[in-house]
Amino acid sequence: MAILRTAIAICLLLGAGIVHAVDLVIAVDDTNQIAFSKEDLLSMAPAELTTATPWDGDEPPATYQGIYLEDLFAEVAQSPDQIRAIALNRYSSDIPFKEAIEAQAFVAVLRNGEPMPIRDRGPYWLIFPFFADDQATPINVLTPWAVWQLQTLEVLD
């Protein structure tokens, strides 16, 4: 029995190193890809956005911590015409950059102070203040742009 416990403990210890944090990648082109960790994103231009989303049902609005898309792209000195947001499951959405900025696009890293698990729209989520009084972009335009399980933001210029 002691041998079995030791073997299980060794397997658990070895397996612990397999789990890696997922970085958010800005793909400027095929040779210029910049990866940002959660810590990077939270420290560059920290911001909060409190909003409900079309997928929340009766849940109250959540407070998201992260970075506005405009600030993130300023970090890599890019202001593209269009970007492609790509999720872990390869879902993607082509988004006009200027319109996304005007709609206050936000890369959410934490929800109510907690990391978002992959099965709950994490680790990153491109969101918007969907129901804000000053939101001029229609919700039917914003919802396809709101890519959860976000992995890559690709410059399409």
Foldseek 3Di string as FASTA:
>chain_A
DVVVVVVVVVVVVVCVVVDDAAWAWEAADPVDIDTHGLVRFCPQDKDKDWADAPPNPPDHTWIFIGAWPVSVVVVVPDDAQWKWWAAPVRDIDIGGRVLCVVQRWTWGQAINNHQADLVRQDNIWTAGRQPDPPRPDDSVVRVSVTHGNTRYIYGDD
